[in-house]
N, C-alpha and C. Protein backbone atom coordinates (compact mmCIF):
# COMPACT_ATOMS: atom_id res chain seq x y z
N UNK A 1 0.84 -1.19 0.00
CA UNK A 1 0.00 0.00 0.00
C UNK A 1 0.88 1.24 0.00
N UNK A 2 0.50 2.20 -0.81
CA UNK A 2 1.26 3.44 -0.94
C UNK A 2 1.11 4.30 0.31
N UNK A 3 2.21 4.81 0.79
CA UNK A 3 2.20 5.73 1.93
C UNK A 3 1.97 7.14 1.40
N UNK A 4 0.98 7.83 1.93
CA UNK A 4 0.72 9.20 1.51
C UNK A 4 1.82 10.11 2.02
N UNK A 5 2.22 11.04 1.18
CA UNK A 5 3.25 11.99 1.60
C UNK A 5 2.67 13.02 2.55
N UNK A 6 1.43 13.44 2.29
CA UNK A 6 0.78 14.47 3.12
C UNK A 6 -0.64 14.02 3.45
N UNK A 7 -1.00 14.04 4.71
CA UNK A 7 -2.36 13.66 5.09
C UNK A 7 -3.37 14.69 4.59
N UNK A 8 -2.91 15.91 4.30
CA UNK A 8 -3.80 16.97 3.87
C UNK A 8 -4.38 16.71 2.47
N UNK A 9 -3.67 15.96 1.65
CA UNK A 9 -4.14 15.72 0.28
C UNK A 9 -5.44 14.92 0.23
N UNK A 10 -5.57 13.80 0.95
CA UNK A 10 -6.87 13.11 0.94
C UNK A 10 -7.98 13.95 1.56
N UNK A 11 -7.64 14.78 2.53
CA UNK A 11 -8.66 15.66 3.12
C UNK A 11 -9.14 16.66 2.06
N UNK A 12 -8.21 17.19 1.27
CA UNK A 12 -8.61 18.08 0.18
C UNK A 12 -9.46 17.34 -0.85
N UNK A 13 -9.17 16.07 -1.07
CA UNK A 13 -10.00 15.26 -1.95
C UNK A 13 -11.42 15.14 -1.42
N UNK A 14 -11.55 14.96 -0.11
CA UNK A 14 -12.87 14.90 0.51
C UNK A 14 -13.60 16.24 0.39
N UNK A 15 -12.84 17.34 0.53
CA UNK A 15 -13.44 18.67 0.34
C UNK A 15 -13.97 18.81 -1.10
N UNK A 16 -13.20 18.31 -2.05
CA UNK A 16 -13.65 18.35 -3.44
C UNK A 16 -14.92 17.54 -3.63
N UNK A 17 -14.97 16.35 -3.05
CA UNK A 17 -16.17 15.51 -3.15
C UNK A 17 -17.37 16.21 -2.48
N UNK A 18 -17.12 16.85 -1.34
CA UNK A 18 -18.18 17.61 -0.67
C UNK A 18 -18.72 18.71 -1.57
N UNK A 19 -17.81 19.43 -2.23
CA UNK A 19 -18.26 20.51 -3.12
C UNK A 19 -19.14 19.97 -4.25
N UNK A 20 -18.75 18.84 -4.81
CA UNK A 20 -19.53 18.25 -5.90
C UNK A 20 -20.92 17.86 -5.42
N UNK A 21 -21.03 17.32 -4.22
CA UNK A 21 -22.31 16.84 -3.68
C UNK A 21 -23.14 17.92 -2.99
N UNK A 22 -22.50 18.99 -2.55
CA UNK A 22 -23.19 19.99 -1.72
C UNK A 22 -24.43 20.63 -2.36
N UNK A 23 -24.47 20.86 -3.67
CA UNK A 23 -25.71 21.45 -4.21
C UNK A 23 -26.94 20.58 -3.94
N UNK A 24 -26.77 19.27 -3.96
CA UNK A 24 -27.91 18.37 -3.73
C UNK A 24 -28.12 18.12 -2.24
N UNK A 25 -27.04 18.03 -1.49
CA UNK A 25 -27.17 17.80 -0.05
C UNK A 25 -27.86 18.99 0.62
N UNK A 26 -27.50 20.20 0.19
CA UNK A 26 -28.04 21.41 0.82
C UNK A 26 -29.16 22.08 0.03
N UNK A 27 -29.55 21.47 -1.08
CA UNK A 27 -30.61 22.05 -1.90
C UNK A 27 -30.20 23.36 -2.56
N UNK A 28 -28.98 23.41 -3.06
CA UNK A 28 -28.45 24.64 -3.66
C UNK A 28 -28.42 24.56 -5.19
N UNK A 29 -29.45 23.99 -5.79
CA UNK A 29 -29.49 23.95 -7.24
C UNK A 29 -29.73 25.34 -7.83
N UNK A 30 -30.27 26.22 -7.03
CA UNK A 30 -30.45 27.62 -7.42
C UNK A 30 -29.70 28.47 -6.41
N UNK A 31 -28.99 29.48 -6.75
CA UNK A 31 -28.73 29.93 -8.11
C UNK A 31 -27.78 28.99 -8.86
N UNK A 32 -27.97 28.93 -10.14
CA UNK A 32 -27.17 28.04 -10.98
C UNK A 32 -25.68 28.34 -10.90
N UNK A 33 -25.33 29.61 -10.70
CA UNK A 33 -23.91 29.98 -10.62
C UNK A 33 -23.25 29.29 -9.43
N UNK A 34 -23.95 29.19 -8.32
CA UNK A 34 -23.39 28.52 -7.14
C UNK A 34 -23.20 27.04 -7.42
N UNK A 35 -24.22 26.42 -8.00
CA UNK A 35 -24.13 24.99 -8.29
C UNK A 35 -22.99 24.70 -9.25
N UNK A 36 -22.88 25.46 -10.31
CA UNK A 36 -21.81 25.25 -11.30
C UNK A 36 -20.44 25.49 -10.67
N UNK A 37 -20.33 26.53 -9.86
CA UNK A 37 -19.06 26.84 -9.20
C UNK A 37 -18.63 25.70 -8.30
N UNK A 38 -19.55 25.19 -7.51
CA UNK A 38 -19.21 24.11 -6.58
C UNK A 38 -18.80 22.84 -7.32
N UNK A 39 -19.49 22.53 -8.39
CA UNK A 39 -19.14 21.32 -9.14
C UNK A 39 -17.77 21.47 -9.80
N UNK A 40 -17.54 22.59 -10.46
CA UNK A 40 -16.25 22.80 -11.13
C UNK A 40 -15.11 22.86 -10.11
N UNK A 41 -15.29 23.64 -9.06
CA UNK A 41 -14.24 23.74 -8.03
C UNK A 41 -14.02 22.38 -7.36
N UNK A 42 -15.09 21.63 -7.14
CA UNK A 42 -14.96 20.32 -6.53
C UNK A 42 -14.18 19.35 -7.39
N UNK A 43 -14.48 19.35 -8.69
CA UNK A 43 -13.75 18.47 -9.62
C UNK A 43 -12.27 18.87 -9.65
N UNK A 44 -11.99 20.17 -9.72
CA UNK A 44 -10.60 20.64 -9.75
C UNK A 44 -9.86 20.27 -8.46
N UNK A 45 -10.51 20.47 -7.33
CA UNK A 45 -9.88 20.16 -6.04
C UNK A 45 -9.67 18.66 -5.88
N UNK A 46 -10.64 17.87 -6.28
CA UNK A 46 -10.53 16.42 -6.20
C UNK A 46 -9.42 15.91 -7.12
N UNK A 47 -9.38 16.40 -8.35
CA UNK A 47 -8.34 15.98 -9.30
C UNK A 47 -6.95 16.39 -8.81
N UNK A 48 -6.85 17.58 -8.27
CA UNK A 48 -5.56 18.06 -7.74
C UNK A 48 -5.12 17.20 -6.56
N UNK A 49 -6.05 16.85 -5.70
CA UNK A 49 -5.72 16.01 -4.54
C UNK A 49 -5.26 14.63 -4.98
N UNK A 50 -5.95 14.04 -5.95
CA UNK A 50 -5.54 12.73 -6.46
C UNK A 50 -4.14 12.82 -7.07
N UNK A 51 -3.91 13.87 -7.84
CA UNK A 51 -2.58 14.07 -8.41
C UNK A 51 -1.52 14.23 -7.34
N UNK A 52 -1.84 14.97 -6.29
CA UNK A 52 -0.87 15.18 -5.21
C UNK A 52 -0.61 13.89 -4.43
N UNK A 53 -1.58 13.01 -4.38
CA UNK A 53 -1.39 11.73 -3.70
C UNK A 53 -0.53 10.80 -4.56
N UNK A 54 -0.84 10.75 -5.85
CA UNK A 54 -0.15 9.81 -6.74
C UNK A 54 1.25 10.28 -7.14
N UNK A 55 1.40 11.55 -7.41
CA UNK A 55 2.68 12.08 -7.86
C UNK A 55 2.85 13.48 -7.26
N UNK A 56 3.29 13.56 -5.99
CA UNK A 56 3.34 14.84 -5.28
C UNK A 56 4.28 15.85 -5.94
N UNK A 57 3.74 17.03 -6.17
CA UNK A 57 4.50 18.16 -6.70
C UNK A 57 3.99 19.44 -6.03
N UNK A 58 4.86 20.41 -5.89
CA UNK A 58 4.48 21.66 -5.24
C UNK A 58 3.41 22.41 -6.01
N UNK A 59 3.44 22.35 -7.34
CA UNK A 59 2.47 23.10 -8.13
C UNK A 59 1.05 22.65 -7.84
N UNK A 60 0.85 21.38 -7.48
CA UNK A 60 -0.49 20.90 -7.16
C UNK A 60 -1.02 21.56 -5.89
N UNK A 61 -0.13 21.77 -4.95
CA UNK A 61 -0.53 22.45 -3.71
C UNK A 61 -0.89 23.91 -4.01
N UNK A 62 -0.06 24.57 -4.81
CA UNK A 62 -0.36 25.96 -5.18
C UNK A 62 -1.67 26.06 -5.94
N UNK A 63 -1.93 25.10 -6.83
CA UNK A 63 -3.17 25.11 -7.58
C UNK A 63 -4.36 24.90 -6.65
N UNK A 64 -4.22 23.99 -5.68
CA UNK A 64 -5.28 23.78 -4.70
C UNK A 64 -5.58 25.04 -3.90
N UNK A 65 -4.53 25.78 -3.54
CA UNK A 65 -4.71 27.04 -2.82
C UNK A 65 -5.43 28.06 -3.70
N UNK A 66 -5.08 28.08 -4.98
CA UNK A 66 -5.73 29.00 -5.92
C UNK A 66 -7.22 28.66 -6.08
N UNK A 67 -7.53 27.37 -6.18
CA UNK A 67 -8.93 26.96 -6.28
C UNK A 67 -9.69 27.37 -5.02
N UNK A 68 -9.08 27.16 -3.86
CA UNK A 68 -9.73 27.55 -2.60
C UNK A 68 -9.96 29.05 -2.51
N UNK A 69 -8.96 29.84 -2.91
CA UNK A 69 -9.10 31.30 -2.87
C UNK A 69 -10.18 31.77 -3.85
N UNK A 70 -10.20 31.18 -5.05
CA UNK A 70 -11.23 31.54 -6.03
C UNK A 70 -12.62 31.18 -5.51
N UNK A 71 -12.71 30.06 -4.85
CA UNK A 71 -13.99 29.64 -4.28
C UNK A 71 -14.47 30.63 -3.23
N UNK A 72 -13.54 31.15 -2.44
CA UNK A 72 -13.91 32.10 -1.38
C UNK A 72 -14.46 33.41 -1.93
N UNK A 73 -13.99 33.87 -3.07
CA UNK A 73 -14.49 35.13 -3.63
C UNK A 73 -15.64 34.93 -4.61
N UNK A 74 -15.91 33.69 -4.98
CA UNK A 74 -16.90 33.40 -6.01
C UNK A 74 -18.31 33.93 -5.72
N UNK A 75 -18.80 33.93 -4.48
CA UNK A 75 -20.17 34.44 -4.28
C UNK A 75 -20.33 35.90 -4.74
N UNK A 76 -19.31 36.71 -4.54
CA UNK A 76 -19.41 38.12 -4.89
C UNK A 76 -19.07 38.35 -6.36
N UNK A 77 -18.13 37.58 -6.88
CA UNK A 77 -17.74 37.73 -8.28
C UNK A 77 -18.83 37.19 -9.21
N UNK A 78 -19.44 36.07 -8.82
CA UNK A 78 -20.44 35.43 -9.69
C UNK A 78 -21.88 35.74 -9.31
N UNK A 79 -22.07 36.54 -8.27
CA UNK A 79 -23.40 37.05 -7.96
C UNK A 79 -24.34 36.16 -7.19
N UNK A 80 -23.81 35.26 -6.35
CA UNK A 80 -24.73 34.47 -5.52
C UNK A 80 -24.50 34.73 -4.04
N UNK A 81 -24.05 35.95 -3.72
CA UNK A 81 -23.80 36.32 -2.33
C UNK A 81 -25.09 36.43 -1.52
N UNK A 82 -26.24 36.51 -2.19
CA UNK A 82 -27.51 36.60 -1.48
C UNK A 82 -28.01 35.27 -0.94
N UNK A 83 -27.34 34.19 -1.26
CA UNK A 83 -27.74 32.86 -0.79
C UNK A 83 -26.79 32.46 0.34
N UNK A 84 -27.25 32.59 1.56
CA UNK A 84 -26.40 32.39 2.74
C UNK A 84 -25.72 31.04 2.75
N UNK A 85 -26.44 29.99 2.50
CA UNK A 85 -25.83 28.65 2.54
C UNK A 85 -24.72 28.51 1.50
N UNK A 86 -24.93 29.07 0.32
CA UNK A 86 -23.91 28.99 -0.73
C UNK A 86 -22.67 29.78 -0.33
N UNK A 87 -22.86 30.94 0.28
CA UNK A 87 -21.72 31.74 0.74
C UNK A 87 -20.94 30.98 1.80
N UNK A 88 -21.65 30.36 2.73
CA UNK A 88 -20.98 29.60 3.79
C UNK A 88 -20.18 28.44 3.23
N UNK A 89 -20.75 27.70 2.29
CA UNK A 89 -20.03 26.59 1.67
C UNK A 89 -18.78 27.11 0.97
N UNK A 90 -18.93 28.17 0.21
CA UNK A 90 -17.79 28.73 -0.53
C UNK A 90 -16.70 29.22 0.41
N UNK A 91 -17.07 29.94 1.45
CA UNK A 91 -16.07 30.49 2.36
C UNK A 91 -15.37 29.42 3.18
N UNK A 92 -16.13 28.56 3.81
CA UNK A 92 -15.52 27.57 4.71
C UNK A 92 -14.75 26.49 3.96
N UNK A 93 -15.30 26.02 2.87
CA UNK A 93 -14.60 24.99 2.10
C UNK A 93 -13.37 25.58 1.42
N UNK A 94 -13.50 26.78 0.88
CA UNK A 94 -12.35 27.45 0.27
C UNK A 94 -11.25 27.74 1.28
N UNK A 95 -11.62 28.21 2.45
CA UNK A 95 -10.64 28.49 3.50
C UNK A 95 -9.93 27.21 3.92
N UNK A 96 -10.68 26.14 4.10
CA UNK A 96 -10.07 24.86 4.48
C UNK A 96 -9.07 24.40 3.43
N UNK A 97 -9.42 24.52 2.16
CA UNK A 97 -8.51 24.11 1.08
C UNK A 97 -7.25 24.97 1.08
N UNK A 98 -7.39 26.27 1.26
CA UNK A 98 -6.23 27.16 1.30
C UNK A 98 -5.32 26.82 2.47
N UNK A 99 -5.91 26.66 3.64
CA UNK A 99 -5.11 26.36 4.84
C UNK A 99 -4.37 25.03 4.68
N UNK A 100 -5.06 24.01 4.22
CA UNK A 100 -4.43 22.69 4.08
C UNK A 100 -3.29 22.70 3.06
N UNK A 101 -3.49 23.37 1.93
CA UNK A 101 -2.44 23.38 0.91
C UNK A 101 -1.26 24.24 1.33
N UNK A 102 -1.52 25.38 1.95
CA UNK A 102 -0.41 26.21 2.42
C UNK A 102 0.35 25.53 3.56
N UNK A 103 -0.36 24.74 4.36
CA UNK A 103 0.28 23.98 5.42
C UNK A 103 1.31 23.02 4.83
N UNK A 104 0.91 22.31 3.80
CA UNK A 104 1.84 21.39 3.13
C UNK A 104 3.05 22.15 2.60
N UNK A 105 2.81 23.25 1.93
CA UNK A 105 3.91 24.03 1.37
C UNK A 105 4.83 24.57 2.46
N UNK A 106 4.27 24.86 3.62
CA UNK A 106 5.06 25.42 4.71
C UNK A 106 5.95 24.39 5.39
N UNK A 107 5.51 23.15 5.47
CA UNK A 107 6.26 22.17 6.26
C UNK A 107 7.05 21.16 5.44
N UNK A 108 6.70 20.96 4.18
CA UNK A 108 7.40 19.97 3.37
C UNK A 108 8.73 20.52 2.89
N UNK A 109 9.82 19.90 3.32
CA UNK A 109 11.16 20.39 2.97
C UNK A 109 11.42 20.32 1.47
N UNK A 110 10.75 19.41 0.76
CA UNK A 110 10.92 19.31 -0.69
C UNK A 110 10.26 20.48 -1.42
N UNK A 111 9.29 21.14 -0.76
CA UNK A 111 8.57 22.25 -1.38
C UNK A 111 9.04 23.60 -0.86
N UNK A 112 10.05 23.62 -0.06
CA UNK A 112 10.55 24.87 0.51
C UNK A 112 10.61 24.82 2.01
N UNK A 113 9.55 24.30 2.64
CA UNK A 113 9.52 24.11 4.08
C UNK A 113 9.93 25.33 4.89
N UNK A 114 9.46 26.50 4.49
CA UNK A 114 9.88 27.73 5.15
C UNK A 114 9.51 27.76 6.64
N UNK A 115 8.43 27.11 7.01
CA UNK A 115 8.03 27.12 8.42
C UNK A 115 9.06 26.37 9.28
N UNK A 116 9.53 25.23 8.78
CA UNK A 116 10.53 24.46 9.53
C UNK A 116 11.82 25.26 9.69
N UNK A 117 12.20 26.01 8.67
CA UNK A 117 13.41 26.83 8.78
C UNK A 117 13.19 27.99 9.75
N UNK A 118 11.97 28.51 9.79
CA UNK A 118 11.65 29.65 10.64
C UNK A 118 11.69 29.27 12.12
N UNK A 119 11.09 28.14 12.47
CA UNK A 119 11.00 27.74 13.88
C UNK A 119 12.08 26.74 14.29
N UNK A 120 12.75 26.15 13.30
CA UNK A 120 13.74 25.11 13.59
C UNK A 120 15.06 25.68 13.77
């Protein structure tokens, strides 16, 4: 069995799966912009997490952080900020993705590991 390099990658995969399912779980088929955003961001996050598990590279972590940041601003950019549940999903899931991916970048010595150098 393959040993995962970062425990954060499968968690990001679960976040991606949550995004894909959330429109139906939470009844967010309207507005369509929210539903489409969650599905696209979920697929991107899930694919990035699978890639990071199978062949870890720093760019996958940066891409995951970018997807999370884009998700966080999407309610205002795409016009579904009036739907509270959609805003909450976008903010909390996006923030979790950003934190998890930046965490990996901060501690993995192969990716720079600036946090270890700072406190070590």
